[in-house]
Amino acid sequence: MPKSLSPYIFENLKRRKKIKRASLPQDSFYLRKMKEGDLPYILEIENVSFPNPWHEMTFRGEIYNQPISSPFVIVFKPKEKVIGYLVFWQIKEQMQINNIAIHPDFRRMGIAEAILQKVLSEIRKGEIKFVTLEVRPSNIAARSLYNKLGFDVLGIKENYYHNPTEPAIVMGKKL
């Protein structure tokens, strides 16, 4: 576990592992725009979440690509610490979810689902009509979440992911 995150996230990890499906009240976390100062936390989460993690420069590019990119962090209110992030692009009437991750100590608590529901609810009010994303076939938890949120499989992109090599399942949702 990354040293900078470990002091405030659950003193007793054994207790956490016994909780199969805990949930945090929605008022215990919030979404805000990503800043450069968030990058150390984001990179820690990214590196423990994905076998082929994004680089720091990729996240910096998202922060500064404002007309298209919308990078957000998920903040745990009691400690004001970054526990996750969401990056999406908006191009005309379409939104592309590019990256979402929650720190392992906060997974299976309904945070990603709550954040995605909130974002989808907000964008329904605007001009966006369709949302897409890619997911590894081996990422069962993410696929289950996207199915639960009403995303459908649209197709496959062969050899999309590396380390290990896997296709991407392209999923979409009409708003």
N, C-alpha and C. Protein backbone atom coordinates (compact mmCIF):
# COMPACT_ATOMS: atom_id res chain seq x y z
N MET A 1 0.85 -1.18 0.00
CA MET A 1 0.00 0.00 0.00
C MET A 1 0.89 1.24 0.00
N PRO A 2 0.55 2.24 -0.81
CA PRO A 2 1.36 3.46 -0.82
C PRO A 2 1.43 4.10 0.55
N LYS A 3 2.63 4.51 0.96
CA LYS A 3 2.83 5.05 2.29
C LYS A 3 2.03 6.31 2.55
N SER A 4 1.90 7.19 1.58
CA SER A 4 1.21 8.46 1.83
C SER A 4 -0.29 8.29 2.02
N LEU A 5 -0.86 7.19 1.55
CA LEU A 5 -2.29 6.97 1.71
C LEU A 5 -2.62 6.11 2.93
N SER A 6 -1.70 5.25 3.32
CA SER A 6 -2.01 4.27 4.35
C SER A 6 -2.39 4.83 5.71
N PRO A 7 -1.88 5.96 6.19
CA PRO A 7 -2.22 6.39 7.54
C PRO A 7 -3.70 6.73 7.75
N TYR A 8 -4.39 7.17 6.75
CA TYR A 8 -5.76 7.61 6.97
C TYR A 8 -6.81 6.64 6.46
N ILE A 9 -6.42 5.63 5.71
CA ILE A 9 -7.39 4.70 5.15
C ILE A 9 -7.45 3.46 6.00
N PHE A 10 -8.49 3.31 6.76
CA PHE A 10 -8.74 2.13 7.56
C PHE A 10 -7.53 1.63 8.33
N GLU A 11 -7.53 1.87 9.62
CA GLU A 11 -6.45 1.43 10.49
C GLU A 11 -6.32 -0.10 10.44
N ASN A 12 -7.42 -0.78 10.39
CA ASN A 12 -7.40 -2.23 10.47
C ASN A 12 -7.85 -2.85 9.15
N LEU A 13 -6.89 -3.22 8.31
CA LEU A 13 -7.23 -3.78 7.01
C LEU A 13 -7.93 -5.14 7.13
N LYS A 14 -7.65 -5.88 8.20
CA LYS A 14 -8.34 -7.16 8.38
C LYS A 14 -9.84 -6.93 8.52
N ARG A 15 -10.20 -5.88 9.28
CA ARG A 15 -11.61 -5.54 9.44
C ARG A 15 -12.21 -5.19 8.08
N ARG A 16 -11.48 -4.45 7.27
CA ARG A 16 -11.95 -4.03 5.96
C ARG A 16 -12.18 -5.22 5.05
N LYS A 17 -11.29 -6.21 5.12
CA LYS A 17 -11.43 -7.38 4.26
C LYS A 17 -12.65 -8.21 4.63
N LYS A 18 -13.09 -8.15 5.88
CA LYS A 18 -14.27 -8.89 6.31
C LYS A 18 -15.55 -8.26 5.77
N ILE A 19 -15.48 -6.98 5.41
CA ILE A 19 -16.66 -6.28 4.91
C ILE A 19 -16.75 -6.54 3.42
N LYS A 20 -17.68 -7.38 3.02
CA LYS A 20 -17.79 -7.74 1.61
C LYS A 20 -18.33 -6.59 0.78
N ARG A 21 -19.38 -5.95 1.23
CA ARG A 21 -20.01 -4.87 0.48
C ARG A 21 -20.41 -3.76 1.42
N ALA A 22 -19.42 -3.05 1.89
CA ALA A 22 -19.70 -1.88 2.73
C ALA A 22 -20.13 -0.75 1.83
N SER A 23 -20.66 0.28 2.40
CA SER A 23 -20.96 1.46 1.60
C SER A 23 -20.67 2.70 2.42
N LEU A 24 -20.18 3.70 1.74
CA LEU A 24 -19.94 4.99 2.37
C LEU A 24 -21.12 5.89 2.07
N PRO A 25 -21.56 6.66 3.04
CA PRO A 25 -22.62 7.62 2.73
C PRO A 25 -22.14 8.58 1.65
N GLN A 26 -23.04 8.95 0.74
CA GLN A 26 -22.64 9.81 -0.38
C GLN A 26 -22.14 11.17 0.08
N ASP A 27 -22.49 11.59 1.29
CA ASP A 27 -21.98 12.88 1.75
C ASP A 27 -20.58 12.78 2.35
N SER A 28 -19.96 11.59 2.28
CA SER A 28 -18.60 11.44 2.80
C SER A 28 -17.54 11.58 1.70
N PHE A 29 -17.96 11.77 0.47
CA PHE A 29 -17.03 12.00 -0.64
C PHE A 29 -17.66 12.93 -1.65
N TYR A 30 -16.81 13.59 -2.42
CA TYR A 30 -17.31 14.50 -3.45
C TYR A 30 -16.36 14.54 -4.63
N LEU A 31 -16.84 15.09 -5.73
CA LEU A 31 -16.10 15.20 -6.97
C LEU A 31 -15.66 16.65 -7.15
N ARG A 32 -14.40 16.85 -7.57
CA ARG A 32 -13.93 18.19 -7.92
C ARG A 32 -12.93 18.08 -9.05
N LYS A 33 -12.67 19.20 -9.72
CA LYS A 33 -11.72 19.22 -10.83
C LYS A 33 -10.33 18.78 -10.35
N MET A 34 -9.65 18.04 -11.19
CA MET A 34 -8.30 17.56 -10.91
C MET A 34 -7.32 18.73 -11.02
N LYS A 35 -6.32 18.74 -10.11
CA LYS A 35 -5.26 19.75 -10.12
C LYS A 35 -3.91 19.04 -10.13
N GLU A 36 -2.89 19.78 -10.52
CA GLU A 36 -1.54 19.20 -10.52
C GLU A 36 -1.15 18.66 -9.15
N GLY A 37 -1.56 19.34 -8.09
CA GLY A 37 -1.22 18.90 -6.74
C GLY A 37 -1.81 17.55 -6.38
N ASP A 38 -2.80 17.10 -7.14
CA ASP A 38 -3.42 15.79 -6.91
C ASP A 38 -2.62 14.65 -7.53
N LEU A 39 -1.68 14.96 -8.41
CA LEU A 39 -1.00 13.93 -9.18
C LEU A 39 -0.31 12.84 -8.35
N PRO A 40 0.36 13.16 -7.23
CA PRO A 40 0.97 12.05 -6.47
C PRO A 40 -0.06 11.01 -6.01
N TYR A 41 -1.22 11.46 -5.57
CA TYR A 41 -2.27 10.53 -5.13
C TYR A 41 -2.85 9.76 -6.32
N ILE A 42 -3.08 10.48 -7.40
CA ILE A 42 -3.64 9.87 -8.60
C ILE A 42 -2.70 8.79 -9.13
N LEU A 43 -1.42 9.10 -9.18
CA LEU A 43 -0.45 8.13 -9.69
C LEU A 43 -0.33 6.90 -8.79
N GLU A 44 -0.44 7.08 -7.48
CA GLU A 44 -0.44 5.93 -6.57
C GLU A 44 -1.63 5.03 -6.87
N ILE A 45 -2.80 5.63 -7.02
CA ILE A 45 -4.02 4.86 -7.29
C ILE A 45 -3.92 4.19 -8.66
N GLU A 46 -3.47 4.93 -9.65
CA GLU A 46 -3.32 4.40 -11.01
C GLU A 46 -2.38 3.20 -11.02
N ASN A 47 -1.26 3.30 -10.33
CA ASN A 47 -0.27 2.23 -10.34
C ASN A 47 -0.72 0.97 -9.62
N VAL A 48 -1.58 1.08 -8.62
CA VAL A 48 -2.09 -0.13 -7.96
C VAL A 48 -3.35 -0.65 -8.62
N SER A 49 -3.90 0.10 -9.56
CA SER A 49 -5.17 -0.27 -10.18
C SER A 49 -5.03 -0.94 -11.54
N PHE A 50 -3.99 -0.60 -12.28
CA PHE A 50 -3.91 -1.05 -13.66
C PHE A 50 -2.55 -1.67 -13.99
N PRO A 51 -2.53 -2.74 -14.79
CA PRO A 51 -1.25 -3.35 -15.15
C PRO A 51 -0.45 -2.50 -16.14
N ASN A 52 -1.11 -1.61 -16.85
CA ASN A 52 -0.45 -0.73 -17.81
C ASN A 52 -0.88 0.71 -17.50
N PRO A 53 -0.36 1.28 -16.40
CA PRO A 53 -0.86 2.57 -15.92
C PRO A 53 -0.51 3.76 -16.81
N TRP A 54 -1.36 4.77 -16.73
CA TRP A 54 -1.08 6.04 -17.41
C TRP A 54 0.13 6.67 -16.75
N HIS A 55 0.86 7.47 -17.52
CA HIS A 55 2.02 8.20 -17.01
C HIS A 55 1.58 9.56 -16.48
N GLU A 56 2.42 10.15 -15.68
CA GLU A 56 2.14 11.48 -15.13
C GLU A 56 1.82 12.49 -16.23
N MET A 57 2.58 12.45 -17.32
CA MET A 57 2.36 13.41 -18.42
C MET A 57 0.99 13.23 -19.06
N THR A 58 0.48 12.02 -19.06
CA THR A 58 -0.86 11.78 -19.60
C THR A 58 -1.90 12.50 -18.74
N PHE A 59 -1.77 12.39 -17.43
CA PHE A 59 -2.70 13.09 -16.54
C PHE A 59 -2.54 14.60 -16.66
N ARG A 60 -1.30 15.06 -16.78
CA ARG A 60 -1.08 16.51 -16.96
C ARG A 60 -1.77 16.99 -18.24
N GLY A 61 -1.66 16.20 -19.29
CA GLY A 61 -2.32 16.54 -20.55
C GLY A 61 -3.82 16.64 -20.38
N GLU A 62 -4.40 15.75 -19.58
CA GLU A 62 -5.84 15.80 -19.33
C GLU A 62 -6.21 17.06 -18.56
N ILE A 63 -5.39 17.44 -17.60
CA ILE A 63 -5.66 18.65 -16.80
C ILE A 63 -5.68 19.88 -17.69
N TYR A 64 -4.78 19.95 -18.67
CA TYR A 64 -4.66 21.15 -19.49
C TYR A 64 -5.40 21.09 -20.81
N ASN A 65 -6.02 19.97 -21.15
CA ASN A 65 -6.79 19.83 -22.38
C ASN A 65 -8.26 20.18 -22.12
N GLN A 66 -8.49 21.35 -21.55
CA GLN A 66 -9.80 21.75 -21.05
C GLN A 66 -10.95 21.74 -22.06
N PRO A 67 -10.77 22.13 -23.29
CA PRO A 67 -11.96 22.15 -24.16
C PRO A 67 -12.60 20.77 -24.34
N ILE A 68 -11.79 19.74 -24.25
CA ILE A 68 -12.30 18.39 -24.49
C ILE A 68 -12.32 17.57 -23.20
N SER A 69 -11.22 17.58 -22.46
CA SER A 69 -11.06 16.70 -21.31
C SER A 69 -11.69 17.27 -20.05
N SER A 70 -12.29 16.36 -19.28
CA SER A 70 -12.85 16.70 -17.97
C SER A 70 -12.28 15.74 -16.94
N PRO A 71 -11.16 16.12 -16.31
CA PRO A 71 -10.57 15.27 -15.28
C PRO A 71 -11.04 15.69 -13.88
N PHE A 72 -11.51 14.73 -13.10
CA PHE A 72 -12.00 14.99 -11.76
C PHE A 72 -11.33 14.05 -10.77
N VAL A 73 -11.27 14.47 -9.52
CA VAL A 73 -10.84 13.59 -8.45
C VAL A 73 -12.01 13.36 -7.50
N ILE A 74 -11.96 12.23 -6.82
CA ILE A 74 -12.95 11.89 -5.81
C ILE A 74 -12.25 12.08 -4.47
N VAL A 75 -12.84 12.91 -3.63
CA VAL A 75 -12.21 13.29 -2.37
C VAL A 75 -13.02 12.73 -1.20
N PHE A 76 -12.32 12.08 -0.27
CA PHE A 76 -12.90 11.57 0.97
C PHE A 76 -12.96 12.74 1.94
N LYS A 77 -14.18 13.20 2.25
CA LYS A 77 -14.35 14.42 3.05
C LYS A 77 -13.70 14.41 4.42
N PRO A 78 -13.85 13.33 5.21
CA PRO A 78 -13.29 13.40 6.56
C PRO A 78 -11.79 13.74 6.61
N LYS A 79 -11.05 13.35 5.59
CA LYS A 79 -9.60 13.61 5.58
C LYS A 79 -9.19 14.54 4.44
N GLU A 80 -10.14 14.93 3.58
CA GLU A 80 -9.84 15.75 2.40
C GLU A 80 -8.71 15.14 1.57
N LYS A 81 -8.80 13.84 1.37
CA LYS A 81 -7.78 13.11 0.61
C LYS A 81 -8.39 12.54 -0.67
N VAL A 82 -7.59 12.52 -1.72
CA VAL A 82 -8.00 11.96 -3.00
C VAL A 82 -8.03 10.44 -2.87
N ILE A 83 -9.18 9.84 -3.19
CA ILE A 83 -9.33 8.39 -3.12
C ILE A 83 -9.67 7.78 -4.48
N GLY A 84 -9.80 8.63 -5.49
CA GLY A 84 -10.12 8.13 -6.82
C GLY A 84 -10.16 9.26 -7.83
N TYR A 85 -10.45 8.90 -9.06
CA TYR A 85 -10.51 9.89 -10.12
C TYR A 85 -11.35 9.38 -11.28
N LEU A 86 -11.76 10.32 -12.11
CA LEU A 86 -12.55 10.04 -13.31
C LEU A 86 -12.09 11.02 -14.38
N VAL A 87 -11.79 10.50 -15.56
CA VAL A 87 -11.41 11.34 -16.68
C VAL A 87 -12.34 11.00 -17.84
N PHE A 88 -13.00 12.02 -18.39
CA PHE A 88 -13.81 11.78 -19.58
C PHE A 88 -13.63 12.92 -20.56
N TRP A 89 -13.95 12.63 -21.81
CA TRP A 89 -13.90 13.62 -22.88
C TRP A 89 -15.30 13.87 -23.37
N GLN A 90 -15.55 15.10 -23.74
CA GLN A 90 -16.80 15.44 -24.40
C GLN A 90 -16.47 15.98 -25.78
N ILE A 91 -17.00 15.33 -26.78
CA ILE A 91 -16.84 15.77 -28.17
C ILE A 91 -18.23 15.82 -28.78
N LYS A 92 -18.71 17.04 -28.95
CA LYS A 92 -20.06 17.30 -29.46
C LYS A 92 -21.09 16.61 -28.56
N GLU A 93 -21.85 15.68 -29.12
CA GLU A 93 -22.93 15.04 -28.36
C GLU A 93 -22.51 13.71 -27.74
N GLN A 94 -21.21 13.45 -27.68
CA GLN A 94 -20.73 12.17 -27.15
C GLN A 94 -19.75 12.39 -26.01
N MET A 95 -19.84 11.51 -25.02
CA MET A 95 -18.90 11.50 -23.91
C MET A 95 -18.15 10.17 -23.95
N GLN A 96 -16.84 10.24 -23.76
CA GLN A 96 -16.00 9.04 -23.70
C GLN A 96 -15.39 8.97 -22.31
N ILE A 97 -15.71 7.93 -21.54
CA ILE A 97 -15.08 7.72 -20.24
C ILE A 97 -13.73 7.07 -20.51
N ASN A 98 -12.66 7.78 -20.17
CA ASN A 98 -11.31 7.31 -20.49
C ASN A 98 -10.63 6.58 -19.34
N ASN A 99 -10.93 6.98 -18.11
CA ASN A 99 -10.23 6.37 -16.99
C ASN A 99 -11.03 6.65 -15.71
N ILE A 100 -11.19 5.63 -14.93
CA ILE A 100 -11.81 5.77 -13.61
C ILE A 100 -11.16 4.74 -12.70
N ALA A 101 -10.82 5.16 -11.49
CA ALA A 101 -10.23 4.24 -10.52
C ALA A 101 -10.51 4.75 -9.11
N ILE A 102 -10.65 3.80 -8.21
CA ILE A 102 -10.83 4.07 -6.79
C ILE A 102 -9.71 3.34 -6.06
N HIS A 103 -9.15 3.99 -5.03
CA HIS A 103 -8.10 3.33 -4.25
C HIS A 103 -8.65 1.99 -3.73
N PRO A 104 -7.82 0.93 -3.74
CA PRO A 104 -8.29 -0.39 -3.31
C PRO A 104 -8.98 -0.41 -1.94
N ASP A 105 -8.55 0.43 -1.00
CA ASP A 105 -9.16 0.43 0.32
C ASP A 105 -10.58 1.00 0.33
N PHE A 106 -10.97 1.62 -0.78
CA PHE A 106 -12.30 2.22 -0.86
C PHE A 106 -13.17 1.55 -1.92
N ARG A 107 -12.71 0.44 -2.47
CA ARG A 107 -13.50 -0.26 -3.47
C ARG A 107 -14.62 -1.06 -2.80
N ARG A 108 -15.61 -1.40 -3.62
CA ARG A 108 -16.78 -2.20 -3.17
C ARG A 108 -17.58 -1.48 -2.10
N MET A 109 -17.57 -0.16 -2.19
CA MET A 109 -18.34 0.67 -1.26
C MET A 109 -19.37 1.51 -2.00
N GLY A 110 -19.51 1.31 -3.29
CA GLY A 110 -20.50 2.04 -4.08
C GLY A 110 -20.04 3.41 -4.54
N ILE A 111 -18.76 3.73 -4.36
CA ILE A 111 -18.28 5.07 -4.73
C ILE A 111 -18.28 5.26 -6.24
N ALA A 112 -17.70 4.34 -6.99
CA ALA A 112 -17.65 4.48 -8.44
C ALA A 112 -19.07 4.54 -9.02
N GLU A 113 -19.94 3.70 -8.51
CA GLU A 113 -21.32 3.70 -8.99
C GLU A 113 -22.00 5.04 -8.70
N ALA A 114 -21.84 5.54 -7.48
CA ALA A 114 -22.46 6.83 -7.12
C ALA A 114 -21.92 7.97 -7.97
N ILE A 115 -20.61 7.98 -8.18
CA ILE A 115 -19.98 9.04 -8.99
C ILE A 115 -20.47 8.97 -10.43
N LEU A 116 -20.47 7.77 -11.01
CA LEU A 116 -20.92 7.64 -12.39
C LEU A 116 -22.40 7.99 -12.53
N GLN A 117 -23.23 7.58 -11.58
CA GLN A 117 -24.65 7.96 -11.63
C GLN A 117 -24.81 9.47 -11.58
N LYS A 118 -24.04 10.13 -10.73
CA LYS A 118 -24.11 11.59 -10.61
C LYS A 118 -23.69 12.26 -11.92
N VAL A 119 -22.58 11.80 -12.48
CA VAL A 119 -22.09 12.39 -13.73
C VAL A 119 -23.08 12.14 -14.86
N LEU A 120 -23.59 10.92 -14.98
CA LEU A 120 -24.56 10.61 -16.04
C LEU A 120 -25.83 11.44 -15.87
N SER A 121 -26.26 11.62 -14.64
CA SER A 121 -27.44 12.44 -14.37
C SER A 121 -27.22 13.89 -14.80
N GLU A 122 -26.04 14.41 -14.49
CA GLU A 122 -25.72 15.80 -14.85
C GLU A 122 -25.62 15.99 -16.36
N ILE A 123 -24.97 15.06 -17.03
CA ILE A 123 -24.78 15.26 -18.47
C ILE A 123 -26.07 15.05 -19.25
N ARG A 124 -27.03 14.33 -18.68
CA ARG A 124 -28.34 14.18 -19.33
C ARG A 124 -29.01 15.54 -19.53
N LYS A 125 -28.69 16.49 -18.66
CA LYS A 125 -29.29 17.82 -18.71
C LYS A 125 -28.71 18.65 -19.85
N GLY A 126 -27.57 18.23 -20.39
CA GLY A 126 -26.89 19.00 -21.44
C GLY A 126 -27.12 18.41 -22.81
N GLU A 127 -26.12 18.60 -23.64
CA GLU A 127 -26.23 18.18 -25.04
C GLU A 127 -25.76 16.77 -25.31
N ILE A 128 -25.15 16.11 -24.34
CA ILE A 128 -24.62 14.76 -24.55
C ILE A 128 -25.75 13.76 -24.68
N LYS A 129 -25.65 12.96 -25.74
CA LYS A 129 -26.69 11.97 -26.04
C LYS A 129 -26.21 10.53 -25.92
N PHE A 130 -24.87 10.35 -25.90
CA PHE A 130 -24.33 8.99 -25.91
C PHE A 130 -23.02 8.96 -25.15
N VAL A 131 -22.80 7.89 -24.37
CA VAL A 131 -21.58 7.71 -23.57
C VAL A 131 -20.95 6.39 -23.97
N THR A 132 -19.62 6.39 -24.17
CA THR A 132 -18.90 5.17 -24.50
C THR A 132 -17.72 4.98 -23.57
N LEU A 133 -17.18 3.77 -23.56
CA LEU A 133 -15.99 3.44 -22.78
C LEU A 133 -15.43 2.13 -23.29
N GLU A 134 -14.20 1.86 -22.92
CA GLU A 134 -13.57 0.56 -23.19
C GLU A 134 -13.22 -0.07 -21.85
N VAL A 135 -13.32 -1.39 -21.79
CA VAL A 135 -13.00 -2.11 -20.57
C VAL A 135 -12.36 -3.46 -20.93
N ARG A 136 -11.42 -3.88 -20.09
CA ARG A 136 -10.80 -5.19 -20.29
C ARG A 136 -11.83 -6.29 -20.03
N PRO A 137 -11.83 -7.35 -20.81
CA PRO A 137 -12.71 -8.49 -20.53
C PRO A 137 -12.44 -9.08 -19.15
N SER A 138 -11.19 -9.01 -18.68
CA SER A 138 -10.83 -9.59 -17.38
C SER A 138 -11.27 -8.71 -16.20
N ASN A 139 -11.70 -7.49 -16.45
CA ASN A 139 -12.12 -6.58 -15.38
C ASN A 139 -13.61 -6.81 -15.08
N ILE A 140 -13.86 -7.90 -14.40
CA ILE A 140 -15.24 -8.34 -14.12
C ILE A 140 -15.99 -7.30 -13.28
N ALA A 141 -15.34 -6.73 -12.29
CA ALA A 141 -16.01 -5.75 -11.42
C ALA A 141 -16.47 -4.55 -12.22
N ALA A 142 -15.60 -4.01 -13.08
CA ALA A 142 -15.98 -2.84 -13.89
C ALA A 142 -17.08 -3.21 -14.87
N ARG A 143 -16.97 -4.35 -15.52
CA ARG A 143 -18.01 -4.76 -16.47
C ARG A 143 -19.35 -4.91 -15.77
N SER A 144 -19.34 -5.47 -14.58
CA SER A 144 -20.57 -5.62 -13.81
C SER A 144 -21.18 -4.26 -13.48
N LEU A 145 -20.34 -3.32 -13.07
CA LEU A 145 -20.82 -1.97 -12.77
C LEU A 145 -21.42 -1.32 -14.01
N TYR A 146 -20.73 -1.40 -15.14
CA TYR A 146 -21.24 -0.77 -16.36
C TYR A 146 -22.55 -1.41 -16.81
N ASN A 147 -22.65 -2.73 -16.68
CA ASN A 147 -23.92 -3.40 -16.99
C ASN A 147 -25.03 -2.89 -16.08
N LYS A 148 -24.74 -2.78 -14.82
CA LYS A 148 -25.72 -2.31 -13.83
C LYS A 148 -26.21 -0.89 -14.17
N LEU A 149 -25.30 -0.07 -14.71
CA LEU A 149 -25.64 1.30 -15.06
C LEU A 149 -26.30 1.42 -16.43
N GLY A 150 -26.51 0.29 -17.10
CA GLY A 150 -27.24 0.31 -18.36
C GLY A 150 -26.40 0.40 -19.61
N PHE A 151 -25.10 0.17 -19.51
CA PHE A 151 -24.25 0.17 -20.69
C PHE A 151 -24.42 -1.15 -21.43
N ASP A 152 -24.40 -1.09 -22.74
CA ASP A 152 -24.49 -2.27 -23.59
C ASP A 152 -23.17 -2.49 -24.31
N VAL A 153 -22.89 -3.74 -24.66
CA VAL A 153 -21.70 -4.06 -25.44
C VAL A 153 -21.96 -3.64 -26.88
N LEU A 154 -21.03 -2.84 -27.42
CA LEU A 154 -21.16 -2.35 -28.80
C LEU A 154 -20.22 -3.08 -29.75
N GLY A 155 -19.11 -3.60 -29.21
CA GLY A 155 -18.15 -4.27 -30.06
C GLY A 155 -16.87 -4.59 -29.32
N ILE A 156 -15.89 -5.03 -30.08
CA ILE A 156 -14.59 -5.44 -29.53
C ILE A 156 -13.50 -4.73 -30.33
N LYS A 157 -12.47 -4.25 -29.63
CA LYS A 157 -11.25 -3.73 -30.26
C LYS A 157 -10.14 -4.71 -29.93
N GLU A 158 -9.68 -5.42 -30.95
CA GLU A 158 -8.65 -6.45 -30.75
C GLU A 158 -7.32 -5.82 -30.34
N ASN A 159 -6.58 -6.53 -29.48
CA ASN A 159 -5.24 -6.13 -29.04
C ASN A 159 -5.17 -4.69 -28.54
N TYR A 160 -6.19 -4.25 -27.87
CA TYR A 160 -6.27 -2.86 -27.39
C TYR A 160 -5.39 -2.63 -26.16
N TYR A 161 -5.43 -3.58 -25.23
CA TYR A 161 -4.66 -3.44 -23.99
C TYR A 161 -3.37 -4.25 -24.07
N HIS A 162 -2.39 -3.81 -23.29
CA HIS A 162 -1.11 -4.50 -23.22
C HIS A 162 -0.78 -4.76 -21.76
N ASN A 163 0.09 -5.76 -21.56
CA ASN A 163 0.58 -6.06 -20.21
C ASN A 163 -0.52 -6.51 -19.26
N PRO A 164 -1.26 -7.55 -19.52
CA PRO A 164 -1.21 -8.46 -20.66
C PRO A 164 -2.05 -7.96 -21.84
N THR A 165 -1.77 -8.54 -23.00
CA THR A 165 -2.52 -8.18 -24.20
C THR A 165 -3.94 -8.72 -24.08
N GLU A 166 -4.89 -7.84 -24.30
CA GLU A 166 -6.31 -8.20 -24.28
C GLU A 166 -7.06 -7.29 -25.24
N PRO A 167 -8.19 -7.77 -25.73
CA PRO A 167 -9.04 -6.87 -26.50
C PRO A 167 -9.75 -5.91 -25.54
N ALA A 168 -10.38 -4.91 -26.08
CA ALA A 168 -11.24 -4.03 -25.29
C ALA A 168 -12.68 -4.34 -25.64
N ILE A 169 -13.51 -4.39 -24.64
CA ILE A 169 -14.94 -4.46 -24.87
C ILE A 169 -15.41 -3.01 -24.92
N VAL A 170 -16.00 -2.63 -26.04
CA VAL A 170 -16.53 -1.27 -26.19
C VAL A 170 -17.97 -1.30 -25.72
N MET A 171 -18.28 -0.42 -24.77
CA MET A 171 -19.63 -0.37 -24.22
C MET A 171 -20.18 1.05 -24.42
N GLY A 172 -21.50 1.13 -24.51
CA GLY A 172 -22.12 2.44 -24.71
C GLY A 172 -23.48 2.51 -24.04
N LYS A 173 -23.90 3.74 -23.87
CA LYS A 173 -25.20 3.99 -23.23
C LYS A 173 -25.81 5.23 -23.87
N LYS A 174 -27.02 5.06 -24.34
CA LYS A 174 -27.78 6.19 -24.89
C LYS A 174 -28.47 6.91 -23.74
N LEU A 175 -28.35 8.22 -23.73
CA LEU A 175 -28.98 9.00 -22.65
C LEU A 175 -30.33 9.54 -23.06
